[in-house]
């Protein structure tokens, strides 16, 4: 890669969280039996007319306002003509020359302490196609038109990214934003959030863009990173071997970890775009935009800055907490119980809880440990009821469904020993049993203190207060 620079732009399709489709009253709910949620409008039957879903327009504007984009007061729907078995009308209703959202920008953090701004070219409304199913019928394909007419917001970035790491950071940021705005559920497994990546390479220092390949319909951040990295290496190897990159659409095969050619890449004129004669232009007033702007929730960047300013969190921790809306909601719910424990709660949420969720393959919204339960656990460390080490035992028990922190501490007899007299007795016994180590400490070997602390904690079955043990041990050993 030393001689080459990759240039990457993403096209993200976010399914808008409307109850009905963009041009009909059919349901958008996921999981229905095939072809049970496609009405005459979705099927393009003769004599039917599309009617625009107002909420889809509002959601698109909400996104545009959040990225500080130009909102076009006059936008037009066009017909994008192509034949495919799951596109019953023979065209897709989309926006071309006059999209509803124009140029905007978003800030990403590809790594700790890194900041980069990525331009957004446009975001336009369109309907989804149906779905072709190739693995259920021998030597035949099935067509499920439930998705036909589902509202999409296609978000097109500038080619501002130069690594797979940056592309994934951008995709995650858009994913986080649409979920904060509550315009998309972001479920990648169900196809609610899909990425196409345009990847090209050029010699370092060159300004002209190379020929790009488009990687289609990638449905996980991990696959997005792997697909882009593979494609960059493929293009470099191709040129180094005397070949040339052709403009085409490629699919990513996760099992083989490779991209493969699907078809030659179409140009806009191949689709014969023209304004849809059945749909009026969309007119948006300044009052409409002001009303939507006033109703925006606290956005990730605003929330992150508030955590830094008010809670004194590090930039890195604030970024981790706010990048996922559900994590931020969990943190705030836990914080509401005991605001003074903010630092400790951050450590547990980003440490033990995140580790347990990752191991179990769970989202934080499905965590068996709820915010109030975690706050109670942290509070018991703070008030010296239990030590940090014992808290991990309590956490594991809570995870297994044994009850609240208080219940587990009581049932297992885990309360910390804080009585000075009891701790002194334990220490006296340990000192008397280890005269050789006592002499070593008094000869200046400070590390031996750790041995004594360990012996006392062992004698107390981990229940002695570590701070008191350290202080009393030092006095007695001296």
Protein backbone atom coordinates (compact mmCIF):
# COMPACT_ATOMS: atom_id res chain seq x y z
CA UNK A 1 0.00 0.00 0.00
CA UNK A 2 2.98 2.37 0.37
CA UNK A 3 2.61 3.68 -3.22
CA UNK A 4 -1.16 3.67 -3.32
CA UNK A 5 -4.08 5.57 -1.81
CA UNK A 6 -7.57 4.12 -1.63
CA UNK A 7 -10.60 6.34 -2.20
CA UNK A 8 -13.91 5.21 -0.74
CA UNK A 9 -17.46 6.51 -0.83
CA UNK A 10 -20.49 4.82 0.72
CA UNK A 11 -24.12 4.65 -0.32
CA UNK A 12 -26.25 3.69 2.67
CA UNK A 13 -29.87 2.57 2.37
CA UNK A 14 -31.76 3.21 5.61
CA UNK A 15 -35.29 1.79 5.75
CA UNK A 16 -37.50 4.48 7.23
CA UNK A 17 -39.50 3.48 10.30
CA UNK A 18 -42.94 4.32 8.91
CA UNK A 19 -45.88 2.02 9.62
CA UNK A 20 -46.88 1.95 5.95
CA UNK A 21 -45.06 2.06 2.62
CA UNK A 22 -43.90 5.19 0.84
CA UNK A 23 -46.65 5.25 -1.80
CA UNK A 24 -49.32 2.91 -0.40
CA UNK A 25 -51.05 1.94 2.84
CA UNK A 26 -49.53 -1.58 2.94
CA UNK A 27 -47.69 -2.52 6.13
CA UNK A 28 -43.88 -2.39 6.41
CA UNK A 29 -43.73 -4.87 9.33
CA UNK A 30 -40.94 -7.44 9.03
CA UNK A 31 -41.50 -11.19 9.03
CA UNK A 32 -44.91 -11.60 7.35
CA UNK A 33 -45.58 -14.54 5.05
CA UNK A 34 -44.34 -13.91 1.49
CA UNK A 35 -46.50 -11.66 -0.68
CA UNK A 36 -49.05 -10.89 2.06
CA UNK A 37 -48.05 -7.22 2.40
CA UNK A 38 -48.00 -6.10 -1.22
CA UNK A 39 -51.07 -4.20 -2.43
CA UNK A 40 -52.14 -3.19 -5.93
CA UNK A 41 -50.01 0.00 -5.79
CA UNK A 42 -46.87 -1.96 -4.82
CA UNK A 43 -47.54 -4.43 -7.64
CA UNK A 44 -47.98 -1.65 -10.23
CA UNK A 45 -51.43 -2.83 -11.26
CA UNK A 46 -53.18 -0.85 -14.05
CA UNK A 47 -55.22 2.13 -12.89
CA UNK A 48 -53.60 2.58 -9.46
CA UNK A 49 -51.86 5.78 -8.38
CA UNK A 50 -49.12 6.28 -5.77
CA UNK A 51 -49.77 8.66 -2.83
CA UNK A 52 -46.70 9.98 -0.99
CA UNK A 53 -46.30 9.11 2.70
CA UNK A 54 -45.91 12.44 4.52
CA UNK A 55 -44.02 10.87 7.44
CA UNK A 56 -41.32 9.54 5.10
CA UNK A 57 -40.72 13.12 3.93
CA UNK A 58 -40.55 14.37 7.55
CA UNK A 59 -38.01 11.66 8.43
CA UNK A 60 -35.81 12.59 5.47
CA UNK A 61 -35.87 16.26 6.52
CA UNK A 62 -35.08 15.25 10.11
CA UNK A 63 -31.94 13.53 8.87
CA UNK A 64 -30.99 16.48 6.69
CA UNK A 65 -31.33 18.97 9.53
CA UNK A 66 -29.24 16.71 11.82
CA UNK A 67 -26.29 16.70 9.36
CA UNK A 68 -26.55 20.44 8.74
CA UNK A 69 -27.50 19.80 5.11
CA UNK A 70 -29.28 21.86 2.52
CA UNK A 71 -32.99 20.98 2.49
CA UNK A 72 -34.41 21.44 -0.98
CA UNK A 73 -37.68 23.34 -0.85
CA UNK A 74 -38.68 21.71 -4.14
CA UNK A 75 -37.85 18.05 -4.84
CA UNK A 76 -39.05 15.71 -7.56
CA UNK A 77 -39.63 11.96 -7.80
CA UNK A 78 -38.36 10.20 -10.92
CA UNK A 79 -38.76 6.81 -12.50
CA UNK A 80 -35.57 4.74 -12.61
CA UNK A 81 -36.19 2.21 -15.36
CA UNK A 82 -34.74 -1.28 -15.28
CA UNK A 83 -36.04 -4.84 -15.49
CA UNK A 84 -35.68 -7.29 -12.64
CA UNK A 85 -38.10 -10.05 -11.57
CA UNK A 86 -38.69 -8.52 -8.12
CA UNK A 87 -39.48 -5.06 -9.57
CA UNK A 88 -43.06 -5.59 -10.80
CA UNK A 89 -43.59 -2.10 -12.30
CA UNK A 90 -40.43 -2.29 -14.41
CA UNK A 91 -39.20 0.90 -12.76
CA UNK A 92 -38.32 2.13 -9.28
CA UNK A 93 -39.63 5.45 -7.99
CA UNK A 94 -36.63 7.38 -6.72
CA UNK A 95 -35.21 10.92 -6.78
CA UNK A 96 -32.51 11.94 -9.21
CA UNK A 97 -31.77 15.54 -10.16
CA UNK A 98 -33.74 17.17 -7.35
CA UNK A 99 -33.34 15.16 -4.08
CA UNK A 100 -34.93 16.32 -0.85
CA UNK A 101 -31.61 16.55 1.07
CA UNK A 102 -28.55 18.19 -0.47
CA UNK A 103 -24.98 18.63 0.71
CA UNK A 104 -24.19 18.07 4.40
CA UNK A 105 -21.41 16.69 6.56
CA UNK A 106 -20.71 14.47 9.54
CA UNK A 107 -17.77 14.09 11.91
CA UNK A 108 -16.28 10.64 12.55
CA UNK A 109 -13.70 9.21 14.98
CA UNK A 110 -11.78 6.43 13.17
CA UNK A 111 -9.53 5.91 16.23
CA UNK A 112 -8.90 7.24 19.72
CA UNK A 113 -8.11 10.94 19.49
CA UNK A 114 -8.77 11.05 15.72
CA UNK A 115 -11.37 13.32 14.11
CA UNK A 116 -12.32 13.55 10.44
CA UNK A 117 -15.13 15.26 8.59
CA UNK A 118 -16.89 13.38 5.80
CA UNK A 119 -19.03 15.20 3.26
CA UNK A 120 -22.49 13.93 2.37
CA UNK A 121 -23.45 14.57 -1.25
CA UNK A 122 -27.18 13.96 -0.93
CA UNK A 123 -29.89 11.90 0.72
CA UNK A 124 -32.90 11.03 -1.37
CA UNK A 125 -36.15 9.15 -0.92
CA UNK A 126 -36.99 6.04 -2.90
CA UNK A 127 -38.99 2.82 -2.75
CA UNK A 128 -37.40 -0.57 -2.18
CA UNK A 129 -37.75 -3.45 -4.61
CA UNK A 130 -38.98 -6.91 -3.69
CA UNK A 131 -36.72 -9.83 -2.88
CA UNK A 132 -35.59 -12.76 -5.02
CA UNK A 133 -35.14 -16.04 -3.10
CA UNK A 134 -32.84 -18.60 -4.68
CA UNK A 135 -32.48 -21.31 -2.03
CA UNK A 136 -36.00 -22.61 -1.37
CA UNK A 137 -37.07 -24.14 -4.67
CA UNK A 138 -35.01 -26.59 -6.78
CA UNK A 139 -33.88 -24.92 -10.01
CA UNK A 140 -36.31 -22.02 -9.45
CA UNK A 141 -36.31 -18.64 -7.77
CA UNK A 142 -39.10 -17.33 -5.57
CA UNK A 143 -40.25 -13.71 -5.51
CA UNK A 144 -41.41 -12.07 -2.27
CA UNK A 145 -42.87 -8.62 -2.89
CA UNK A 146 -43.48 -7.69 0.75
CA UNK A 147 -40.56 -5.25 0.62
CA UNK A 148 -41.73 -3.63 -2.63
CA UNK A 149 -42.60 -0.02 -1.87
CA UNK A 150 -40.87 0.08 1.53
CA UNK A 151 -39.52 3.63 2.08
CA UNK A 152 -35.76 4.07 1.89
CA UNK A 153 -33.49 7.03 2.49
CA UNK A 154 -30.38 6.60 0.35
CA UNK A 155 -27.49 8.51 1.91
CA UNK A 156 -24.59 9.15 -0.48
CA UNK A 157 -21.22 10.24 0.88
CA UNK A 158 -18.44 12.15 -0.84
CA UNK A 159 -15.38 9.99 -1.67
CA UNK A 160 -13.66 11.35 1.44
CA UNK A 161 -12.56 8.12 3.09
CA UNK A 162 -9.19 6.49 2.50
CA UNK A 163 -9.30 3.25 4.50
CA UNK A 164 -11.73 0.53 5.48
CA UNK A 165 -11.36 1.73 9.08
CA UNK A 166 -12.64 5.19 8.14
CA UNK A 167 -15.48 3.73 6.08
CA UNK A 168 -16.64 1.58 9.00
CA UNK A 169 -16.43 4.56 11.38
CA UNK A 170 -18.60 6.57 8.96
CA UNK A 171 -21.15 3.75 8.54
CA UNK A 172 -21.36 3.31 12.31
CA UNK A 173 -21.87 7.05 12.77
CA UNK A 174 -24.74 7.13 10.25
CA UNK A 175 -26.19 4.00 11.87
CA UNK A 176 -26.05 5.66 15.28
CA UNK A 177 -27.56 8.89 13.98
CA UNK A 178 -30.60 7.35 12.24
CA UNK A 179 -31.34 5.40 15.42
CA UNK A 180 -31.05 8.51 17.61
CA UNK A 181 -33.42 10.29 15.23
CA UNK A 182 -35.75 7.25 15.39
CA UNK A 183 -36.14 7.23 11.62
CA UNK A 184 -34.66 3.72 11.17
CA UNK A 185 -34.32 0.75 13.51
CA UNK A 186 -30.86 0.00 12.07
CA UNK A 187 -31.43 -3.77 12.02
CA UNK A 188 -28.81 -4.99 9.56
CA UNK A 189 -29.87 -8.65 9.78
CA UNK A 190 -33.37 -7.72 8.58
CA UNK A 191 -32.03 -5.47 5.82
CA UNK A 192 -33.12 -2.19 7.42
CA UNK A 193 -29.62 -0.75 7.05
CA UNK A 194 -27.50 -1.74 4.03
CA UNK A 195 -24.24 -0.41 2.63
CA UNK A 196 -22.81 -0.19 -0.89
CA UNK A 197 -19.13 0.78 -1.06
CA UNK A 198 -17.51 2.48 -4.05
CA UNK A 199 -13.80 1.64 -3.95
CA UNK A 200 -10.98 2.88 -6.18
CA UNK A 201 -7.23 3.36 -5.88
CA UNK A 202 -4.74 5.90 -7.19
CA UNK A 203 -1.04 6.60 -6.85
CA UNK A 204 -0.26 8.73 -3.81
CA UNK A 205 -0.12 12.39 -4.76
CA UNK A 206 -2.48 12.00 -7.73
CA UNK A 207 -5.70 14.03 -7.77
CA UNK A 208 -7.66 12.18 -10.42
CA UNK A 209 -9.88 9.39 -9.16
CA UNK A 210 -9.28 5.85 -10.34
CA UNK A 211 -11.91 3.53 -11.85
CA UNK A 212 -14.22 2.38 -9.09
CA UNK A 213 -15.88 -0.92 -8.30
CA UNK A 214 -19.15 -0.93 -6.35
CA UNK A 215 -19.55 -3.53 -3.59
CA UNK A 216 -23.27 -4.19 -3.14
CA UNK A 217 -25.57 -4.83 -0.18
CA UNK A 218 -23.14 -5.43 2.67
CA UNK A 219 -25.09 -6.07 5.85
CA UNK A 220 -22.53 -5.96 8.68
CA UNK A 221 -19.75 -3.60 9.71
CA UNK A 222 -17.30 -6.50 9.94
CA UNK A 223 -18.05 -7.61 6.39
CA UNK A 224 -17.84 -4.00 5.18
CA UNK A 225 -14.29 -3.72 6.51
CA UNK A 226 -13.24 -7.09 5.10
CA UNK A 227 -14.84 -6.44 1.69
CA UNK A 228 -13.15 -3.06 1.28
CA UNK A 229 -9.74 -4.37 2.34
CA UNK A 230 -10.03 -7.28 -0.09
CA UNK A 231 -11.10 -5.00 -2.93
CA UNK A 232 -8.23 -2.55 -2.34
CA UNK A 233 -5.70 -5.41 -2.50
CA UNK A 234 -7.40 -6.90 -5.56
CA UNK A 235 -7.17 -3.62 -7.48
CA UNK A 236 -3.53 -3.03 -6.50
CA UNK A 237 -2.55 -6.57 -7.53
CA UNK A 238 -4.48 -6.18 -10.80
CA UNK A 239 -2.68 -2.97 -11.79
CA UNK A 240 0.71 -4.20 -10.59
CA UNK A 241 0.27 -7.25 -12.86
CA UNK A 242 -0.38 -5.01 -15.87
CA UNK A 243 -4.17 -5.21 -15.83
CA UNK A 244 -6.75 -2.48 -15.36
CA UNK A 245 -9.75 -2.00 -13.11
CA UNK A 246 -13.12 -2.04 -14.89
CA UNK A 247 -16.17 -0.23 -13.58
CA UNK A 248 -18.48 -2.93 -12.31
CA UNK A 249 -20.73 -4.09 -9.50
CA UNK A 250 -19.25 -6.79 -7.28
CA UNK A 251 -20.67 -8.97 -4.52
CA UNK A 252 -18.84 -9.82 -1.30
CA UNK A 253 -18.71 -13.53 -0.44
CA UNK A 254 -18.26 -13.71 3.35
CA UNK A 255 -17.48 -17.44 3.36
CA UNK A 256 -14.59 -17.06 0.91
CA UNK A 257 -13.71 -13.53 2.11
CA UNK A 258 -13.55 -12.21 -1.45
CA UNK A 259 -15.44 -10.01 -3.88
CA UNK A 260 -16.59 -11.33 -7.25
CA UNK A 261 -18.00 -9.71 -10.36
CA UNK A 262 -21.77 -9.43 -10.59
CA UNK A 263 -22.41 -7.15 -13.60
CA UNK A 264 -21.02 -4.12 -15.40
CA UNK A 265 -21.77 -0.89 -13.54
CA UNK A 266 -24.69 1.06 -14.99
CA UNK A 267 -24.50 4.81 -15.58
CA UNK A 268 -27.38 7.17 -14.81
CA UNK A 269 -28.35 7.36 -18.49
CA UNK A 270 -28.79 3.57 -18.56
CA UNK A 271 -31.77 3.98 -16.26
CA UNK A 272 -33.52 6.55 -18.49
CA UNK A 273 -34.59 8.69 -15.54
CA UNK A 274 -37.59 10.99 -16.09
CA UNK A 275 -39.98 12.77 -13.66
CA UNK A 276 -42.77 10.46 -12.47
CA UNK A 277 -45.99 11.76 -14.06
CA UNK A 278 -48.12 10.33 -11.25
CA UNK A 279 -46.46 12.28 -8.44
CA UNK A 280 -46.47 16.01 -7.79
CA UNK A 281 -43.23 17.77 -6.82
CA UNK A 282 -42.67 17.93 -3.05
CA UNK A 283 -42.75 21.46 -1.65
CA UNK A 284 -41.30 22.09 1.81
CA UNK A 285 -41.73 25.39 3.63
CA UNK A 286 -39.40 27.13 6.08
CA UNK A 287 -42.06 26.56 8.74
CA UNK A 288 -42.02 22.80 8.07
CA UNK A 289 -38.24 22.71 8.54
CA UNK A 290 -38.33 24.88 11.67
CA UNK A 291 -40.95 22.62 13.23
CA UNK A 292 -38.90 19.49 12.52
CA UNK A 293 -35.71 21.15 13.79
CA UNK A 294 -37.45 22.10 17.05
CA UNK A 295 -38.47 18.47 17.57
CA UNK A 296 -35.00 16.95 17.20
CA UNK A 297 -33.74 14.87 20.13
CA UNK A 298 -30.32 15.39 21.69
CA UNK A 299 -27.96 14.10 19.00
CA UNK A 300 -24.85 11.96 19.60
CA UNK A 301 -22.36 14.84 19.27
CA UNK A 302 -24.38 17.02 21.65
CA UNK A 303 -24.73 14.20 24.15
CA UNK A 304 -21.02 13.42 23.93
CA UNK A 305 -20.09 17.05 24.61
CA UNK A 306 -22.48 17.17 27.56
CA UNK A 307 -20.86 14.10 29.08
CA UNK A 308 -17.44 15.70 28.68
CA UNK A 309 -18.51 19.09 30.08
CA UNK A 310 -20.89 18.04 32.86
CA UNK A 311 -19.62 14.60 33.88
CA UNK A 312 -15.93 15.21 33.12
CA UNK A 313 -15.69 12.03 31.05
CA UNK A 314 -12.80 11.51 28.67
CA UNK A 315 -13.42 12.12 24.98
CA UNK A 316 -12.86 8.40 24.34
CA UNK A 317 -15.34 7.16 26.96
CA UNK A 318 -17.92 9.76 25.96
CA UNK A 319 -17.60 8.60 22.34
CA UNK A 320 -18.06 4.94 23.32
CA UNK A 321 -21.12 5.70 25.43
CA UNK A 322 -22.89 7.82 22.83
CA UNK A 323 -22.05 5.89 19.67
CA UNK A 324 -24.88 3.45 20.47
CA UNK A 325 -28.21 4.97 21.45
CA UNK A 326 -29.16 2.02 23.66
CA UNK A 327 -25.86 2.25 25.55
CA UNK A 328 -26.45 5.95 26.21
CA UNK A 329 -30.01 5.22 27.38
CA UNK A 330 -28.72 2.48 29.71
CA UNK A 331 -26.07 4.79 31.14
CA UNK A 332 -28.52 7.63 31.74
CA UNK A 333 -31.05 5.32 33.37
CA UNK A 334 -28.33 3.99 35.69
CA UNK A 335 -27.04 7.50 36.35
CA UNK A 336 -30.49 8.76 37.34
CA UNK A 337 -30.37 6.47 40.39
CA UNK A 338 -27.04 7.87 41.70
CA UNK A 339 -25.53 10.78 39.72
CA UNK A 340 -22.47 10.86 41.98
CA UNK A 341 -21.39 7.41 40.73
CA UNK A 342 -20.95 8.45 37.08
CA UNK A 343 -17.25 7.49 36.78
CA UNK A 344 -17.75 4.08 38.37
CA UNK A 345 -20.82 3.35 36.22
CA UNK A 346 -18.90 4.21 33.05
CA UNK A 347 -16.17 1.73 34.02
CA UNK A 348 -18.63 -1.07 34.64
CA UNK A 349 -20.73 -0.41 31.51
CA UNK A 350 -17.74 -0.19 29.18
CA UNK A 351 -15.85 -2.95 30.99
CA UNK A 352 -17.56 -5.91 32.63
CA UNK A 353 -21.02 -5.36 31.15
CA UNK A 354 -19.75 -4.80 27.60
CA UNK A 355 -17.57 -7.91 27.91
CA UNK A 356 -20.44 -10.07 29.13
CA UNK A 357 -22.77 -8.81 26.40
CA UNK A 358 -20.17 -9.44 23.72
CA UNK A 359 -19.49 -12.96 24.97
CA UNK A 360 -23.23 -13.76 25.03
CA UNK A 361 -23.90 -12.06 21.67
CA UNK A 362 -26.49 -9.76 23.24
CA UNK A 363 -27.38 -6.12 22.69
CA UNK A 364 -27.38 -3.90 25.77
CA UNK A 365 -31.16 -3.49 25.44
CA UNK A 366 -31.42 -7.26 26.10
CA UNK A 367 -29.05 -7.27 29.08
CA UNK A 368 -30.23 -9.43 32.00
CA UNK A 369 -28.66 -6.81 34.29
CA UNK A 370 -30.84 -3.70 34.16
CA UNK A 371 -29.61 -0.13 34.86
CA UNK A 372 -30.98 0.06 38.42
CA UNK A 373 -29.39 -3.30 39.25
CA UNK A 374 -25.95 -2.14 38.09
CA UNK A 375 -26.29 1.11 40.03
CA UNK A 376 -27.08 -0.83 43.20
CA UNK A 377 -24.00 -3.00 42.70
CA UNK A 378 -21.74 0.03 42.20
CA UNK A 379 -23.29 1.72 45.24
CA UNK A 380 -22.38 -1.28 47.41
CA UNK A 381 -18.75 -0.89 46.40
CA UNK A 382 -18.90 2.84 47.12
CA UNK A 383 -20.36 2.37 50.61
CA UNK A 384 -17.84 -0.40 51.42
CA UNK A 385 -20.47 -3.12 51.73
CA UNK A 386 -18.39 -5.22 49.31
CA UNK A 387 -14.95 -4.95 47.71
CA UNK A 388 -14.33 -4.53 44.00
CA UNK A 389 -13.23 -8.16 43.77
CA UNK A 390 -16.37 -9.47 45.47
CA UNK A 391 -18.42 -7.18 43.21
CA UNK A 392 -17.33 -9.25 40.21
CA UNK A 393 -18.72 -12.38 41.90
CA UNK A 394 -21.98 -10.52 42.57
CA UNK A 395 -22.07 -9.28 38.94
CA UNK A 396 -21.76 -12.86 37.64
CA UNK A 397 -24.57 -13.99 39.93
CA UNK A 398 -26.78 -11.12 38.78
CA UNK A 399 -26.05 -12.07 35.17
CA UNK A 400 -27.20 -15.61 35.93
CA UNK A 401 -30.51 -14.27 37.27
CA UNK A 402 -29.95 -14.81 41.01
CA UNK A 403 -31.52 -11.46 41.91
CA UNK A 404 -30.38 -7.98 42.88
CA UNK A 405 -26.97 -7.11 44.31
CA UNK A 406 -28.41 -6.74 47.82
CA UNK A 407 -30.17 -10.10 47.59
CA UNK A 408 -27.01 -11.89 46.44
CA UNK A 409 -24.76 -10.21 49.03
CA UNK A 410 -27.17 -11.22 51.79
CA UNK A 411 -27.76 -14.76 50.53
CA UNK A 412 -24.05 -15.51 50.08
CA UNK A 413 -22.82 -13.67 53.14
CA UNK A 414 -20.51 -11.41 51.15
CA UNK A 415 -20.59 -8.28 53.29
CA UNK A 416 -17.17 -6.74 53.67
CA UNK A 417 -15.42 -6.85 57.04
CA UNK A 418 -14.82 -3.24 58.06
CA UNK A 419 -14.49 -3.76 61.80
CA UNK A 420 -10.90 -2.67 62.63
CA UNK A 421 -10.62 -5.07 65.55
CA UNK A 422 -11.58 -8.08 63.43
CA UNK A 423 -9.13 -7.06 60.69
CA UNK A 424 -6.33 -6.54 63.26
CA UNK A 425 -6.90 -10.05 64.60
CA UNK A 426 -6.53 -11.52 61.10
CA UNK A 427 -3.39 -9.46 60.47
CA UNK A 428 -1.81 -10.49 63.78
CA UNK A 429 -2.34 -14.14 62.86
CA UNK A 430 -0.77 -13.69 59.40
CA UNK A 431 2.25 -11.77 60.78
CA UNK A 432 2.85 -14.37 63.48
CA UNK A 433 2.79 -17.15 60.88
CA UNK A 434 5.29 -15.48 58.54
CA UNK A 435 8.30 -14.10 60.52
CA UNK A 436 10.70 -14.47 57.58
CA UNK A 437 8.57 -12.19 55.37
CA UNK A 438 8.26 -9.69 58.24
CA UNK A 439 12.08 -9.37 58.34
CA UNK A 440 12.21 -8.98 54.56
CA UNK A 441 9.71 -6.09 54.69
CA UNK A 442 11.60 -4.40 57.51
CA UNK A 443 14.79 -4.78 55.46
CA UNK A 444 13.21 -2.62 52.74
CA UNK A 445 11.49 -5.16 50.47
CA UNK A 446 8.22 -3.22 49.94
CA UNK A 447 6.87 -5.82 47.52
CA UNK A 448 6.43 -8.25 50.40
CA UNK A 449 3.46 -6.12 51.51
CA UNK A 450 1.46 -7.62 48.64
CA UNK A 451 2.13 -11.10 50.04
CA UNK A 452 0.70 -10.10 53.43
CA UNK A 453 -2.36 -8.44 51.86
CA UNK A 454 -3.03 -11.60 49.87
CA UNK A 455 -2.74 -13.80 52.98
CA UNK A 456 -5.13 -11.58 54.97
CA UNK A 457 -7.66 -11.50 52.12
CA UNK A 458 -7.40 -15.27 51.85
CA UNK A 459 -8.03 -15.66 55.58
CA UNK A 460 -11.08 -13.39 55.33
CA UNK A 461 -12.37 -15.15 52.19
CA UNK A 462 -12.02 -11.85 50.35
CA UNK A 463 -14.28 -9.97 52.74
CA UNK A 464 -11.77 -7.74 54.52
CA UNK A 465 -11.71 -4.12 53.35
CA UNK A 466 -8.51 -3.87 51.24
CA UNK A 467 -7.85 -0.24 52.15
CA UNK A 468 -8.02 -0.94 55.87
CA UNK A 469 -5.91 -4.08 55.46
CA UNK A 470 -3.16 -2.07 53.73
CA UNK A 471 -3.14 0.71 56.33
CA UNK A 472 -3.18 -1.56 59.38
CA UNK A 473 -0.56 -3.91 57.91
CA UNK A 474 1.88 -1.07 57.30
CA UNK A 475 1.53 0.17 60.88
CA UNK A 476 2.00 -3.27 62.39
CA UNK A 477 4.90 -4.32 60.15
CA UNK A 478 6.80 -1.14 60.95
